[in-house]
């Protein structure tokens, strides 16, 4: 595996269209990164607009990213977050500082 990309929706946007495997965005990623060497995953969280919701999501995301790093040790890891999905991603790398250098 060459690439692992985790997609994170924003506030009040669970099941956001752009995170779906058949979206234009995901199809473009697959084409650019050669789908056979790419793992795309959607990180689903409550999407509630509160620090607590984002904090809980960041904890879960950190755990999932660690798991992905173990499962695909040679792959380049990327996280793409929209709106508060980006805030969740940033908080995840502060929850687990070792992620910062590997994502």
Protein backbone atom coordinates (compact mmCIF):
# COMPACT_ATOMS: atom_id res chain seq x y z
CA UNK A 1 0.00 0.00 0.00
CA UNK A 2 1.36 3.41 -0.96
CA UNK A 3 -1.27 5.80 0.42
CA UNK A 4 -3.87 5.84 3.19
CA UNK A 5 -6.23 8.82 3.18
CA UNK A 6 -8.72 9.46 5.98
CA UNK A 7 -11.62 11.81 5.22
CA UNK A 8 -13.39 13.70 8.01
CA UNK A 9 -16.71 15.50 7.56
CA UNK A 10 -17.46 18.79 9.25
CA UNK A 11 -20.10 20.04 11.66
CA UNK A 12 -23.64 18.73 11.08
CA UNK A 13 -22.43 16.88 7.97
CA UNK A 14 -22.51 13.18 8.78
CA UNK A 15 -22.39 11.08 5.63
CA UNK A 16 -21.22 14.10 3.63
CA UNK A 17 -21.33 13.40 -0.09
CA UNK A 18 -17.67 14.27 -0.69
CA UNK A 19 -16.52 11.52 1.72
CA UNK A 20 -18.37 8.76 -0.10
CA UNK A 21 -16.30 6.33 -2.11
CA UNK A 22 -18.14 7.18 -5.35
CA UNK A 23 -17.95 10.99 -4.98
CA UNK A 24 -16.19 13.13 -7.56
CA UNK A 25 -13.60 14.03 -4.92
CA UNK A 26 -12.82 10.40 -4.04
CA UNK A 27 -12.80 9.34 -7.69
CA UNK A 28 -10.27 12.09 -8.39
CA UNK A 29 -8.09 10.97 -5.47
CA UNK A 30 -8.19 7.39 -6.76
CA UNK A 31 -7.20 8.51 -10.25
CA UNK A 32 -4.36 10.74 -9.05
CA UNK A 33 -2.99 8.31 -6.47
CA UNK A 34 -3.64 5.14 -8.48
CA UNK A 35 -6.49 3.34 -6.76
CA UNK A 36 -4.66 0.02 -6.52
CA UNK A 37 -2.19 1.56 -4.07
CA UNK A 38 -4.71 3.64 -2.11
CA UNK A 39 -6.88 3.01 0.94
CA UNK A 40 -9.61 5.60 1.46
CA UNK A 41 -11.48 5.66 4.75
CA UNK A 42 -14.23 7.87 6.11
CA UNK A 43 -14.06 8.84 9.75
CA UNK A 44 -17.56 9.32 11.08
CA UNK A 45 -18.16 11.38 14.20
CA UNK A 46 -21.26 13.00 15.71
CA UNK A 47 -20.70 16.29 13.89
CA UNK A 48 -22.04 18.24 16.87
CA UNK A 49 -20.74 21.78 17.24
CA UNK A 50 -19.18 21.47 20.68
CA UNK A 51 -15.66 21.20 22.05
CA UNK A 52 -16.65 17.98 23.83
CA UNK A 53 -17.88 16.32 20.64
CA UNK A 54 -14.73 17.31 18.78
CA UNK A 55 -12.56 16.13 21.69
CA UNK A 56 -14.23 12.71 21.80
CA UNK A 57 -13.92 12.42 18.04
CA UNK A 58 -10.21 13.36 18.22
CA UNK A 59 -9.58 10.59 20.75
CA UNK A 60 -11.27 8.03 18.49
CA UNK A 61 -9.50 9.37 15.41
CA UNK A 62 -6.08 9.14 17.09
CA UNK A 63 -6.79 5.49 17.88
CA UNK A 64 -7.94 4.77 14.32
CA UNK A 65 -4.92 6.52 12.80
CA UNK A 66 -2.56 4.54 15.04
CA UNK A 67 -4.28 1.36 13.90
CA UNK A 68 -3.92 2.35 10.25
CA UNK A 69 -0.23 3.10 10.75
CA UNK A 70 0.26 -0.39 12.18
CA UNK A 71 -1.79 -2.04 9.44
CA UNK A 72 0.02 -0.20 6.60
CA UNK A 73 3.47 0.68 7.96
CA UNK A 74 4.99 1.64 4.61
CA UNK A 75 2.12 3.79 3.38
CA UNK A 76 2.08 7.58 3.36
CA UNK A 77 -0.76 8.70 5.63
CA UNK A 78 -2.95 11.72 4.92
CA UNK A 79 -5.96 13.22 6.67
CA UNK A 80 -8.39 15.55 4.90
CA UNK A 81 -10.94 17.32 7.06
CA UNK A 82 -13.61 19.85 6.22
CA UNK A 83 -14.52 22.59 8.69
CA UNK A 84 -14.54 21.14 12.19
CA UNK A 85 -13.36 17.86 10.69
CA UNK A 86 -10.04 19.66 10.31
CA UNK A 87 -10.22 20.72 13.97
CA UNK A 88 -10.79 17.08 14.94
CA UNK A 89 -7.71 16.07 12.93
CA UNK A 90 -5.54 18.76 14.53
CA UNK A 91 -6.69 17.78 17.99
CA UNK A 92 -5.99 14.10 17.27
CA UNK A 93 -2.31 14.83 16.65
CA UNK A 94 -2.11 16.70 19.95
CA UNK A 95 -3.83 13.84 21.78
CA UNK A 96 -1.24 11.46 20.34
CA UNK A 97 1.85 13.62 19.60
CA UNK A 98 3.66 10.78 17.83
CA UNK A 99 1.09 11.01 15.04
CA UNK A 100 2.22 14.50 14.09
CA UNK A 101 5.41 13.24 12.43
CA UNK A 102 3.78 10.26 10.75
CA UNK A 103 0.66 11.82 9.21
